């Protein structure tokens, strides 16, 4: 009898595509942010606050944060699956990283919507 080994495989193309899509979202946001920062900001707190007071910039920033967190999750998960062989340790590390990323998403919401 062969004991099945749980490795978390079969993500393949879906994860590759998700990595590319999240990278494009982050790159587009970087360009949008750079253009906004270079054309409308004088460096004062009020101008920064004004840039993020509109719904578009808040949404774009939050979407970028979510893309960053998902991008990081896929990368870290794949590293753990490749290099951490004991299943218990890998599960514990996956859980810690997932909880941290969820917490960071909540923190991003708090920061962006308390302006």
PDB file of N, CA and C in Angstrom:
ATOM      1  N   UNK A   1       0.837  -1.167   0.000  1.00  0.00           N
ATOM      2  CA  UNK A   1       0.000   0.000   0.000  1.00  0.00           C
ATOM      3  C   UNK A   1       0.887   1.237   0.000  1.00  0.00           C
ATOM      4  N   UNK A   2       0.571   2.158  -0.877  1.00  0.00           N
ATOM      5  CA  UNK A   2       1.342   3.385  -1.003  1.00  0.00           C
ATOM      6  C   UNK A   2       0.652   4.482  -0.210  1.00  0.00           C
ATOM      7  N   UNK A   3       1.422   5.112   0.652  1.00  0.00           N
ATOM      8  CA  UNK A   3       0.884   6.204   1.459  1.00  0.00           C
ATOM      9  C   UNK A   3       0.931   7.499   0.646  1.00  0.00           C
ATOM     10  N   UNK A   4      -0.217   8.171   0.448  1.00  0.00           N
ATOM     11  CA  UNK A   4      -0.201   9.416  -0.333  1.00  0.00           C
ATOM     12  C   UNK A   4       0.514  10.525   0.431  1.00  0.00           C
ATOM     13  N   UNK A   5       1.268  11.302  -0.287  1.00  0.00           N
ATOM     14  CA  UNK A   5       1.998  12.416   0.291  1.00  0.00           C
ATOM     15  C   UNK A   5       1.286  13.703  -0.105  1.00  0.00           C
ATOM     16  N   UNK A   6       0.947  14.497   0.902  1.00  0.00           N
ATOM     17  CA  UNK A   6       0.274  15.762   0.639  1.00  0.00           C
ATOM     18  C   UNK A   6       1.334  16.818   0.388  1.00  0.00           C
ATOM     19  N   UNK A   7       1.372  17.323  -0.823  1.00  0.00           N
ATOM     20  CA  UNK A   7       2.373  18.321  -1.152  1.00  0.00           C
ATOM     21  C   UNK A   7       1.746  19.644  -1.574  1.00  0.00           C
ATOM     22  N   UNK A   8       0.450  19.664  -1.795  1.00  0.00           N
ATOM     23  CA  UNK A   8      -0.198  20.905  -2.179  1.00  0.00           C
ATOM     24  C   UNK A   8       0.033  21.279  -3.627  1.00  0.00           C
ATOM     25  N   UNK A   9       0.313  20.313  -4.453  1.00  0.00           N
ATOM     26  CA  UNK A   9       0.585  20.588  -5.859  1.00  0.00           C
ATOM     27  C   UNK A   9      -0.716  20.843  -6.614  1.00  0.00           C
ATOM     28  N   UNK A  10      -0.627  20.880  -7.896  1.00  0.00           N
ATOM     29  CA  UNK A  10      -1.748  21.079  -8.816  1.00  0.00           C
ATOM     30  C   UNK A  10      -2.216  22.522  -8.844  1.00  0.00           C
ATOM     31  N   UNK A  11      -1.376  23.464  -8.507  1.00  0.00           N
ATOM     32  CA  UNK A  11      -1.752  24.862  -8.619  1.00  0.00           C
ATOM     33  C   UNK A  11      -1.335  25.389  -9.980  1.00  0.00           C
ATOM     34  N   UNK A  12      -0.130  25.093 -10.370  1.00  0.00           N
ATOM     35  CA  UNK A  12       0.412  25.361 -11.686  1.00  0.00           C
ATOM     36  C   UNK A  12       0.008  26.639 -12.388  1.00  0.00           C
ATOM     37  N   UNK A  13      -0.739  26.477 -13.471  1.00  0.00           N
ATOM     38  CA  UNK A  13      -1.083  27.603 -14.336  1.00  0.00           C
ATOM     39  C   UNK A  13      -1.887  28.663 -13.608  1.00  0.00           C
ATOM     40  N   UNK A  14      -2.803  28.254 -12.755  1.00  0.00           N
ATOM     41  CA  UNK A  14      -3.638  29.214 -12.028  1.00  0.00           C
ATOM     42  C   UNK A  14      -2.780  30.151 -11.179  1.00  0.00           C
ATOM     43  N   UNK A  15      -1.818  29.610 -10.473  1.00  0.00           N
ATOM     44  CA  UNK A  15      -0.944  30.442  -9.642  1.00  0.00           C
ATOM     45  C   UNK A  15       0.008  31.276 -10.486  1.00  0.00           C
ATOM     46  N   UNK A  16       0.488  30.703 -11.581  1.00  0.00           N
ATOM     47  CA  UNK A  16       1.351  31.465 -12.479  1.00  0.00           C
ATOM     48  C   UNK A  16       0.593  32.680 -13.010  1.00  0.00           C
ATOM     49  N   UNK A  17      -0.652  32.472 -13.431  1.00  0.00           N
ATOM     50  CA  UNK A  17      -1.475  33.556 -13.948  1.00  0.00           C
ATOM     51  C   UNK A  17      -1.796  34.580 -12.854  1.00  0.00           C
ATOM     52  N   UNK A  18      -2.100  34.106 -11.654  1.00  0.00           N
ATOM     53  CA  UNK A  18      -2.389  35.020 -10.543  1.00  0.00           C
ATOM     54  C   UNK A  18      -1.164  35.877 -10.220  1.00  0.00           C
ATOM     55  N   UNK A  19       0.026  35.291 -10.250  1.00  0.00           N
ATOM     56  CA  UNK A  19       1.247  36.062 -10.006  1.00  0.00           C
ATOM     57  C   UNK A  19       1.411  37.162 -11.052  1.00  0.00           C
ATOM     58  N   UNK A  20       1.131  36.835 -12.306  1.00  0.00           N
ATOM     59  CA  UNK A  20       1.290  37.822 -13.375  1.00  0.00           C
ATOM     60  C   UNK A  20       0.246  38.932 -13.268  1.00  0.00           C
ATOM     61  N   UNK A  21      -0.995  38.562 -12.974  1.00  0.00           N
ATOM     62  CA  UNK A  21      -2.063  39.561 -12.866  1.00  0.00           C
ATOM     63  C   UNK A  21      -1.795  40.499 -11.695  1.00  0.00           C
ATOM     64  N   UNK A  22      -1.422  39.946 -10.544  1.00  0.00           N
ATOM     65  CA  UNK A  22      -1.145  40.806  -9.389  1.00  0.00           C
ATOM     66  C   UNK A  22       0.072  41.687  -9.645  1.00  0.00           C
ATOM     67  N   UNK A  23       1.053  41.186 -10.366  1.00  0.00           N
ATOM     68  CA  UNK A  23       2.222  42.004 -10.704  1.00  0.00           C
ATOM     69  C   UNK A  23       1.829  43.158 -11.618  1.00  0.00           C
ATOM     70  N   UNK A  24       0.933  42.912 -12.576  1.00  0.00           N
ATOM     71  CA  UNK A  24       0.472  43.974 -13.472  1.00  0.00           C
ATOM     72  C   UNK A  24      -0.307  45.023 -12.684  1.00  0.00           C
ATOM     73  N   UNK A  25      -1.168  44.584 -11.771  1.00  0.00           N
ATOM     74  CA  UNK A  25      -1.925  45.529 -10.943  1.00  0.00           C
ATOM     75  C   UNK A  25      -0.966  46.413 -10.150  1.00  0.00           C
ATOM     76  N   UNK A  26       0.050  45.815  -9.532  1.00  0.00           N
ATOM     77  CA  UNK A  26       1.003  46.601  -8.742  1.00  0.00           C
ATOM     78  C   UNK A  26       1.819  47.548  -9.624  1.00  0.00           C
ATOM     79  N   UNK A  27       2.185  47.107 -10.823  1.00  0.00           N
ATOM     80  CA  UNK A  27       2.943  47.974 -11.734  1.00  0.00           C
ATOM     81  C   UNK A  27       2.090  49.152 -12.203  1.00  0.00           C
ATOM     82  N   UNK A  28       0.833  48.900 -12.556  1.00  0.00           N
ATOM     83  CA  UNK A  28      -0.055  49.984 -12.972  1.00  0.00           C
ATOM     84  C   UNK A  28      -0.267  50.991 -11.844  1.00  0.00           C
ATOM     85  N   UNK A  29      -0.462  50.492 -10.634  1.00  0.00           N
ATOM     86  CA  UNK A  29      -0.638  51.396  -9.501  1.00  0.00           C
ATOM     87  C   UNK A  29       0.612  52.248  -9.287  1.00  0.00           C
ATOM     88  N   UNK A  30       1.772  51.648  -9.444  1.00  0.00           N
ATOM     89  CA  UNK A  30       3.015  52.396  -9.277  1.00  0.00           C
ATOM     90  C   UNK A  30       3.085  53.552 -10.258  1.00  0.00           C
ATOM     91  N   UNK A  31       2.695  53.317 -11.504  1.00  0.00           N
ATOM     92  CA  UNK A  31       2.697  54.381 -12.510  1.00  0.00           C
ATOM     93  C   UNK A  31       1.667  55.453 -12.152  1.00  0.00           C
ATOM     94  N   UNK A  32       0.448  55.032 -11.790  1.00  0.00           N
ATOM     95  CA  UNK A  32      -0.604  55.988 -11.423  1.00  0.00           C
ATOM     96  C   UNK A  32      -0.175  56.816 -10.212  1.00  0.00           C
ATOM     97  N   UNK A  33       0.359  56.153  -9.212  1.00  0.00           N
ATOM     98  CA  UNK A  33       0.800  56.854  -8.009  1.00  0.00           C
ATOM     99  C   UNK A  33       1.921  57.836  -8.330  1.00  0.00           C
ATOM    100  N   UNK A  34       2.882  57.419  -9.147  1.00  0.00           N
ATOM    101  CA  UNK A  34       3.997  58.297  -9.491  1.00  0.00           C
ATOM    102  C   UNK A  34       3.503  59.533 -10.243  1.00  0.00           C
ATOM    103  N   UNK A  35       2.600  59.339 -11.178  1.00  0.00           N
ATOM    104  CA  UNK A  35       2.064  60.479 -11.926  1.00  0.00           C
ATOM    105  C   UNK A  35       1.324  61.429 -10.986  1.00  0.00           C
ATOM    106  N   UNK A  36       0.480  60.887 -10.116  1.00  0.00           N
ATOM    107  CA  UNK A  36      -0.256  61.729  -9.163  1.00  0.00           C
ATOM    108  C   UNK A  36       0.696  62.457  -8.221  1.00  0.00           C
ATOM    109  N   UNK A  37       1.679  61.755  -7.722  1.00  0.00           N
ATOM    110  CA  UNK A  37       2.609  62.352  -6.767  1.00  0.00           C
ATOM    111  C   UNK A  37       3.469  63.435  -7.415  1.00  0.00           C
ATOM    112  N   UNK A  38       3.866  63.218  -8.652  1.00  0.00           N
ATOM    113  CA  UNK A  38       4.740  64.195  -9.307  1.00  0.00           C
ATOM    114  C   UNK A  38       3.987  65.405  -9.848  1.00  0.00           C
ATOM    115  N   UNK A  39       2.702  65.241 -10.131  1.00  0.00           N
ATOM    116  CA  UNK A  39       1.979  66.350 -10.745  1.00  0.00           C
ATOM    117  C   UNK A  39       1.126  67.146  -9.770  1.00  0.00           C
ATOM    118  N   UNK A  40       0.679  66.542  -8.686  1.00  0.00           N
ATOM    119  CA  UNK A  40      -0.270  67.259  -7.830  1.00  0.00           C
ATOM    120  C   UNK A  40       0.222  67.525  -6.418  1.00  0.00           C
ATOM    121  N   UNK A  41       1.297  66.933  -6.012  1.00  0.00           N
ATOM    122  CA  UNK A  41       1.699  67.069  -4.616  1.00  0.00           C
ATOM    123  C   UNK A  41       2.796  68.109  -4.434  1.00  0.00           C
ATOM    124  N   UNK A  42       2.650  68.888  -3.377  1.00  0.00           N
ATOM    125  CA  UNK A  42       3.709  69.819  -3.012  1.00  0.00           C
ATOM    126  C   UNK A  42       4.482  69.328  -1.782  1.00  0.00           C
ATOM    127  N   UNK A  43       4.148  68.133  -1.304  1.00  0.00           N
ATOM    128  CA  UNK A  43       4.845  67.560  -0.164  1.00  0.00           C
ATOM    129  C   UNK A  43       4.194  67.823   1.170  1.00  0.00           C
ATOM    130  N   UNK A  44       3.120  68.580   1.187  1.00  0.00           N
ATOM    131  CA  UNK A  44       2.469  68.880   2.458  1.00  0.00           C
ATOM    132  C   UNK A  44       1.501  67.757   2.835  1.00  0.00           C
ATOM    133  N   UNK A  45       1.195  67.710   4.099  1.00  0.00           N
ATOM    134  CA  UNK A  45       0.254  66.709   4.601  1.00  0.00           C
ATOM    135  C   UNK A  45      -1.114  66.867   3.938  1.00  0.00           C
ATOM    136  N   UNK A  46      -1.531  68.097   3.749  1.00  0.00           N
ATOM    137  CA  UNK A  46      -2.843  68.355   3.169  1.00  0.00           C
ATOM    138  C   UNK A  46      -2.937  67.841   1.741  1.00  0.00           C
ATOM    139  N   UNK A  47      -1.864  67.980   0.968  1.00  0.00           N
ATOM    140  CA  UNK A  47      -1.903  67.496  -0.408  1.00  0.00           C
ATOM    141  C   UNK A  47      -1.914  65.969  -0.454  1.00  0.00           C
ATOM    142  N   UNK A  48      -1.174  65.313   0.439  1.00  0.00           N
ATOM    143  CA  UNK A  48      -1.225  63.847   0.513  1.00  0.00           C
ATOM    144  C   UNK A  48      -2.612  63.388   0.923  1.00  0.00           C
ATOM    145  N   UNK A  49      -3.160  64.049   1.906  1.00  0.00           N
ATOM    146  CA  UNK A  49      -4.500  63.703   2.371  1.00  0.00           C
ATOM    147  C   UNK A  49      -5.531  63.921   1.261  1.00  0.00           C
ATOM    148  N   UNK A  50      -5.375  65.002   0.523  1.00  0.00           N
ATOM    149  CA  UNK A  50      -6.273  65.282  -0.585  1.00  0.00           C
ATOM    150  C   UNK A  50      -6.189  64.236  -1.679  1.00  0.00           C
ATOM    151  N   UNK A  51      -4.981  63.740  -1.945  1.00  0.00           N
ATOM    152  CA  UNK A  51      -4.830  62.713  -2.979  1.00  0.00           C
ATOM    153  C   UNK A  51      -5.576  61.439  -2.596  1.00  0.00           C
ATOM    154  N   UNK A  52      -5.546  61.098  -1.315  1.00  0.00           N
ATOM    155  CA  UNK A  52      -6.181  59.860  -0.874  1.00  0.00           C
ATOM    156  C   UNK A  52      -7.618  60.057  -0.393  1.00  0.00           C
ATOM    157  N   UNK A  53      -8.117  61.280  -0.434  1.00  0.00           N
ATOM    158  CA  UNK A  53      -9.492  61.497   0.023  1.00  0.00           C
ATOM    159  C   UNK A  53     -10.511  61.052  -1.014  1.00  0.00           C
ATOM    160  N   UNK A  54     -10.117  61.003  -2.264  1.00  0.00           N
ATOM    161  CA  UNK A  54     -11.024  60.539  -3.305  1.00  0.00           C
ATOM    162  C   UNK A  54     -11.190  59.026  -3.272  1.00  0.00           C
ATOM    163  N   UNK A  55     -12.338  58.579  -3.693  1.00  0.00           N
ATOM    164  CA  UNK A  55     -12.622  57.147  -3.658  1.00  0.00           C
ATOM    165  C   UNK A  55     -11.749  56.330  -4.586  1.00  0.00           C
ATOM    166  N   UNK A  56     -11.370  56.905  -5.745  1.00  0.00           N
ATOM    167  CA  UNK A  56     -10.569  56.145  -6.707  1.00  0.00           C
ATOM    168  C   UNK A  56      -9.214  55.760  -6.127  1.00  0.00           C
ATOM    169  N   UNK A  57      -8.518  56.726  -5.544  1.00  0.00           N
ATOM    170  CA  UNK A  57      -7.166  56.451  -5.046  1.00  0.00           C
ATOM    171  C   UNK A  57      -7.205  55.492  -3.859  1.00  0.00           C
ATOM    172  N   UNK A  58      -8.199  55.619  -3.017  1.00  0.00           N
ATOM    173  CA  UNK A  58      -8.326  54.669  -1.904  1.00  0.00           C
ATOM    174  C   UNK A  58      -8.567  53.261  -2.430  1.00  0.00           C
ATOM    175  N   UNK A  59      -9.497  53.143  -3.384  1.00  0.00           N
ATOM    176  CA  UNK A  59      -9.790  51.830  -3.945  1.00  0.00           C
ATOM    177  C   UNK A  59      -8.574  51.258  -4.663  1.00  0.00           C
ATOM    178  N   UNK A  60      -7.898  52.078  -5.463  1.00  0.00           N
ATOM    179  CA  UNK A  60      -6.715  51.613  -6.187  1.00  0.00           C
ATOM    180  C   UNK A  60      -5.622  51.170  -5.221  1.00  0.00           C
ATOM    181  N   UNK A  61      -5.443  51.925  -4.148  1.00  0.00           N
ATOM    182  CA  UNK A  61      -4.434  51.563  -3.153  1.00  0.00           C
ATOM    183  C   UNK A  61      -4.802  50.260  -2.466  1.00  0.00           C
ATOM    184  N   UNK A  62      -6.073  50.117  -2.084  1.00  0.00           N
ATOM    185  CA  UNK A  62      -6.495  48.892  -1.418  1.00  0.00           C
ATOM    186  C   UNK A  62      -6.389  47.700  -2.361  1.00  0.00           C
ATOM    187  N   UNK A  63      -6.765  47.864  -3.620  1.00  0.00           N
ATOM    188  CA  UNK A  63      -6.631  46.785  -4.598  1.00  0.00           C
ATOM    189  C   UNK A  63      -5.170  46.387  -4.756  1.00  0.00           C
ATOM    190  N   UNK A  64      -4.291  47.377  -4.728  1.00  0.00           N
ATOM    191  CA  UNK A  64      -2.859  47.084  -4.826  1.00  0.00           C
ATOM    192  C   UNK A  64      -2.367  46.336  -3.595  1.00  0.00           C
ATOM    193  N   UNK A  65      -2.833  46.743  -2.420  1.00  0.00           N
ATOM    194  CA  UNK A  65      -2.453  46.009  -1.207  1.00  0.00           C
ATOM    195  C   UNK A  65      -2.945  44.560  -1.270  1.00  0.00           C
ATOM    196  N   UNK A  66      -4.186  44.357  -1.692  1.00  0.00           N
ATOM    197  CA  UNK A  66      -4.702  42.988  -1.810  1.00  0.00           C
ATOM    198  C   UNK A  66      -3.894  42.186  -2.821  1.00  0.00           C
ATOM    199  N   UNK A  67      -3.528  42.817  -3.925  1.00  0.00           N
ATOM    200  CA  UNK A  67      -2.699  42.143  -4.921  1.00  0.00           C
ATOM    201  C   UNK A  67      -1.332  41.784  -4.342  1.00  0.00           C
ATOM    202  N   UNK A  68      -0.770  42.712  -3.580  1.00  0.00           N
ATOM    203  CA  UNK A  68       0.520  42.455  -2.938  1.00  0.00           C
ATOM    204  C   UNK A  68       0.433  41.276  -1.972  1.00  0.00           C
ATOM    205  N   UNK A  69      -0.622  41.253  -1.154  1.00  0.00           N
ATOM    206  CA  UNK A  69      -0.770  40.182  -0.174  1.00  0.00           C
ATOM    207  C   UNK A  69      -0.987  38.834  -0.857  1.00  0.00           C
ATOM    208  N   UNK A  70      -1.807  38.806  -1.920  1.00  0.00           N
ATOM    209  CA  UNK A  70      -2.044  37.548  -2.629  1.00  0.00           C
ATOM    210  C   UNK A  70      -0.773  37.100  -3.347  1.00  0.00           C
ATOM    211  N   UNK A  71      -0.062  38.042  -3.946  1.00  0.00           N
ATOM    212  CA  UNK A  71       1.204  37.756  -4.615  1.00  0.00           C
ATOM    213  C   UNK A  71       2.201  37.152  -3.619  1.00  0.00           C
ATOM    214  N   UNK A  72       2.275  37.767  -2.444  1.00  0.00           N
ATOM    215  CA  UNK A  72       3.179  37.271  -1.402  1.00  0.00           C
ATOM    216  C   UNK A  72       2.748  35.892  -0.922  1.00  0.00           C
ATOM    217  N   UNK A  73       1.450  35.684  -0.764  1.00  0.00           N
ATOM    218  CA  UNK A  73       0.954  34.396  -0.294  1.00  0.00           C
ATOM    219  C   UNK A  73       1.364  33.280  -1.252  1.00  0.00           C
ATOM    220  N   UNK A  74       1.174  33.492  -2.539  1.00  0.00           N
ATOM    221  CA  UNK A  74       1.519  32.462  -3.516  1.00  0.00           C
ATOM    222  C   UNK A  74       3.012  32.180  -3.468  1.00  0.00           C
ATOM    223  N   UNK A  75       3.826  33.226  -3.429  1.00  0.00           N
ATOM    224  CA  UNK A  75       5.273  33.030  -3.412  1.00  0.00           C
ATOM    225  C   UNK A  75       5.766  32.332  -2.161  1.00  0.00           C
ATOM    226  N   UNK A  76       5.299  32.777  -1.008  1.00  0.00           N
ATOM    227  CA  UNK A  76       5.745  32.173   0.250  1.00  0.00           C
ATOM    228  C   UNK A  76       5.231  30.735   0.357  1.00  0.00           C
ATOM    229  N   UNK A  77       3.986  30.513  -0.043  1.00  0.00           N
ATOM    230  CA  UNK A  77       3.427  29.161  -0.004  1.00  0.00           C
ATOM    231  C   UNK A  77       4.256  28.207  -0.869  1.00  0.00           C
ATOM    232  N   UNK A  78       4.627  28.657  -2.056  1.00  0.00           N
ATOM    233  CA  UNK A  78       5.426  27.797  -2.931  1.00  0.00           C
ATOM    234  C   UNK A  78       6.808  27.532  -2.347  1.00  0.00           C
ATOM    235  N   UNK A  79       7.403  28.533  -1.721  1.00  0.00           N
ATOM    236  CA  UNK A  79       8.708  28.325  -1.082  1.00  0.00           C
ATOM    237  C   UNK A  79       8.579  27.306   0.045  1.00  0.00           C
ATOM    238  N   UNK A  80       7.541  27.448   0.871  1.00  0.00           N
ATOM    239  CA  UNK A  80       7.344  26.494   1.960  1.00  0.00           C
ATOM    240  C   UNK A  80       7.112  25.085   1.416  1.00  0.00           C
ATOM    241  N   UNK A  81       6.303  24.954   0.360  1.00  0.00           N
ATOM    242  CA  UNK A  81       6.028  23.619  -0.196  1.00  0.00           C
ATOM    243  C   UNK A  81       7.293  23.000  -0.776  1.00  0.00           C
ATOM    244  N   UNK A  82       8.183  23.821  -1.327  1.00  0.00           N
ATOM    245  CA  UNK A  82       9.402  23.291  -1.935  1.00  0.00           C
ATOM    246  C   UNK A  82      10.473  22.936  -0.906  1.00  0.00           C
ATOM    247  N   UNK A  83      10.570  23.723   0.173  1.00  0.00           N
ATOM    248  CA  UNK A  83      11.723  23.578   1.050  1.00  0.00           C
ATOM    249  C   UNK A  83      11.418  23.110   2.471  1.00  0.00           C
ATOM    250  N   UNK A  84      10.176  23.145   2.908  1.00  0.00           N
ATOM    251  CA  UNK A  84       9.825  22.679   4.249  1.00  0.00           C
ATOM    252  C   UNK A  84       9.131  21.327   4.092  1.00  0.00           C
ATOM    253  N   UNK A  85       9.827  20.274   4.406  1.00  0.00           N
ATOM    254  CA  UNK A  85       9.294  18.929   4.163  1.00  0.00           C
ATOM    255  C   UNK A  85       8.365  18.419   5.265  1.00  0.00           C
ATOM    256  N   UNK A  86       8.620  18.634   6.560  1.00  0.00           N
ATOM    257  CA  UNK A  86       7.687  18.129   7.575  1.00  0.00           C
ATOM    258  C   UNK A  86       6.332  18.840   7.459  1.00  0.00           C
ATOM    259  N   UNK A  87       5.281  18.047   7.301  1.00  0.00           N
ATOM    260  CA  UNK A  87       3.951  18.587   7.055  1.00  0.00           C
ATOM    261  C   UNK A  87       3.463  19.482   8.185  1.00  0.00           C
ATOM    262  N   UNK A  88       3.711  19.113   9.427  1.00  0.00           N
ATOM    263  CA  UNK A  88       3.256  19.911  10.564  1.00  0.00           C
ATOM    264  C   UNK A  88       3.888  21.287  10.602  1.00  0.00           C
ATOM    265  N   UNK A  89       5.180  21.334  10.361  1.00  0.00           N
ATOM    266  CA  UNK A  89       5.877  22.623  10.359  1.00  0.00           C
ATOM    267  C   UNK A  89       5.379  23.477   9.198  1.00  0.00           C
ATOM    268  N   UNK A  90       5.217  22.848   8.038  1.00  0.00           N
ATOM    269  CA  UNK A  90       4.736  23.585   6.867  1.00  0.00           C
ATOM    270  C   UNK A  90       3.333  24.141   7.114  1.00  0.00           C
ATOM    271  N   UNK A  91       2.461  23.347   7.720  1.00  0.00           N
ATOM    272  CA  UNK A  91       1.104  23.802   8.026  1.00  0.00           C
ATOM    273  C   UNK A  91       1.134  24.961   9.020  1.00  0.00           C
ATOM    274  N   UNK A  92       1.991  24.864  10.017  1.00  0.00           N
ATOM    275  CA  UNK A  92       2.102  25.939  11.003  1.00  0.00           C
ATOM    276  C   UNK A  92       2.601  27.232  10.341  1.00  0.00           C
ATOM    277  N   UNK A  93       3.603  27.116   9.484  1.00  0.00           N
ATOM    278  CA  UNK A  93       4.116  28.303   8.792  1.00  0.00           C
ATOM    279  C   UNK A  93       3.076  28.893   7.850  1.00  0.00           C
ATOM    280  N   UNK A  94       2.353  28.019   7.126  1.00  0.00           N
ATOM    281  CA  UNK A  94       1.267  28.505   6.255  1.00  0.00           C
ATOM    282  C   UNK A  94       0.232  29.275   7.068  1.00  0.00           C
ATOM    283  N   UNK A  95      -0.132  28.729   8.220  1.00  0.00           N
ATOM    284  CA  UNK A  95      -1.142  29.372   9.069  1.00  0.00           C
ATOM    285  C   UNK A  95      -0.665  30.723   9.568  1.00  0.00           C
ATOM    286  N   UNK A  96       0.575  30.795  10.001  1.00  0.00           N
ATOM    287  CA  UNK A  96       1.131  32.052  10.506  1.00  0.00           C
ATOM    288  C   UNK A  96       1.145  33.111   9.410  1.00  0.00           C
ATOM    289  N   UNK A  97       1.624  32.735   8.227  1.00  0.00           N
ATOM    290  CA  UNK A  97       1.694  33.694   7.124  1.00  0.00           C
ATOM    291  C   UNK A  97       0.297  34.129   6.698  1.00  0.00           C
ATOM    292  N   UNK A  98      -0.643  33.194   6.617  1.00  0.00           N
ATOM    293  CA  UNK A  98      -2.016  33.544   6.231  1.00  0.00           C
ATOM    294  C   UNK A  98      -2.633  34.512   7.237  1.00  0.00           C
ATOM    295  N   UNK A  99      -2.461  34.240   8.523  1.00  0.00           N
ATOM    296  CA  UNK A  99      -3.011  35.136   9.548  1.00  0.00           C
ATOM    297  C   UNK A  99      -2.359  36.520   9.495  1.00  0.00           C
ATOM    298  N   UNK A 100      -1.054  36.563   9.281  1.00  0.00           N
ATOM    299  CA  UNK A 100      -0.368  37.848   9.158  1.00  0.00           C
ATOM    300  C   UNK A 100      -0.886  38.649   7.967  1.00  0.00           C
ATOM    301  N   UNK A 101      -1.038  37.990   6.821  1.00  0.00           N
ATOM    302  CA  UNK A 101      -1.502  38.694   5.626  1.00  0.00           C
ATOM    303  C   UNK A 101      -2.938  39.177   5.779  1.00  0.00           C
ATOM    304  N   UNK A 102      -3.779  38.392   6.425  1.00  0.00           N
ATOM    305  CA  UNK A 102      -5.152  38.832   6.699  1.00  0.00           C
ATOM    306  C   UNK A 102      -5.136  40.029   7.646  1.00  0.00           C
ATOM    307  N   UNK A 103      -4.288  39.970   8.663  1.00  0.00           N
ATOM    308  CA  UNK A 103      -4.143  41.093   9.586  1.00  0.00           C
ATOM    309  C   UNK A 103      -3.646  42.347   8.884  1.00  0.00           C
ATOM    310  N   UNK A 104      -2.685  42.189   7.969  1.00  0.00           N
ATOM    311  CA  UNK A 104      -2.182  43.335   7.212  1.00  0.00           C
ATOM    312  C   UNK A 104      -3.270  43.932   6.328  1.00  0.00           C
ATOM    313  N   UNK A 105      -4.130  43.089   5.761  1.00  0.00           N
ATOM    314  CA  UNK A 105      -5.244  43.597   4.950  1.00  0.00           C
ATOM    315  C   UNK A 105      -6.203  44.416   5.814  1.00  0.00           C
ATOM    316  N   UNK A 106      -6.485  43.937   7.003  1.00  0.00           N
ATOM    317  CA  UNK A 106      -7.325  44.697   7.922  1.00  0.00           C
ATOM    318  C   UNK A 106      -6.682  46.011   8.316  1.00  0.00           C
ATOM    319  N   UNK A 107      -5.401  45.994   8.524  1.00  0.00           N
ATOM    320  CA  UNK A 107      -4.661  47.203   8.870  1.00  0.00           C
ATOM    321  C   UNK A 107      -4.711  48.208   7.719  1.00  0.00           C
ATOM    322  N   UNK A 108      -4.587  47.713   6.486  1.00  0.00           N
ATOM    323  CA  UNK A 108      -4.668  48.587   5.312  1.00  0.00           C
ATOM    324  C   UNK A 108      -6.040  49.256   5.234  1.00  0.00           C
ATOM    325  N   UNK A 109      -7.089  48.501   5.516  1.00  0.00           N
ATOM    326  CA  UNK A 109      -8.445  49.080   5.529  1.00  0.00           C
ATOM    327  C   UNK A 109      -8.524  50.181   6.576  1.00  0.00           C
ATOM    328  N   UNK A 110      -8.006  49.906   7.749  1.00  0.00           N
ATOM    329  CA  UNK A 110      -8.051  50.885   8.835  1.00  0.00           C
ATOM    330  C   UNK A 110      -7.295  52.158   8.438  1.00  0.00           C
ATOM    331  N   UNK A 111      -6.152  52.015   7.851  1.00  0.00           N
ATOM    332  CA  UNK A 111      -5.355  53.179   7.476  1.00  0.00           C
ATOM    333  C   UNK A 111      -6.025  53.980   6.362  1.00  0.00           C
ATOM    334  N   UNK A 112      -6.515  53.283   5.349  1.00  0.00           N
ATOM    335  CA  UNK A 112      -7.062  53.976   4.178  1.00  0.00           C
ATOM    336  C   UNK A 112      -8.402  54.641   4.462  1.00  0.00           C
ATOM    337  N   UNK A 113      -9.223  54.063   5.303  1.00  0.00           N
ATOM    338  CA  UNK A 113     -10.559  54.615   5.502  1.00  0.00           C
ATOM    339  C   UNK A 113     -10.717  55.435   6.777  1.00  0.00           C
ATOM    340  N   UNK A 114      -9.623  55.721   7.459  1.00  0.00           N
ATOM    341  CA  UNK A 114      -9.744  56.635   8.596  1.00  0.00           C
ATOM    342  C   UNK A 114      -9.285  58.038   8.232  1.00  0.00           C
ATOM    343  N   UNK A 115      -8.874  58.207   6.994  1.00  0.00           N
ATOM    344  CA  UNK A 115      -8.399  59.535   6.556  1.00  0.00           C
ATOM    345  C   UNK A 115      -9.475  60.566   6.680  1.00  0.00           C
TER     346      UNK A 115
END
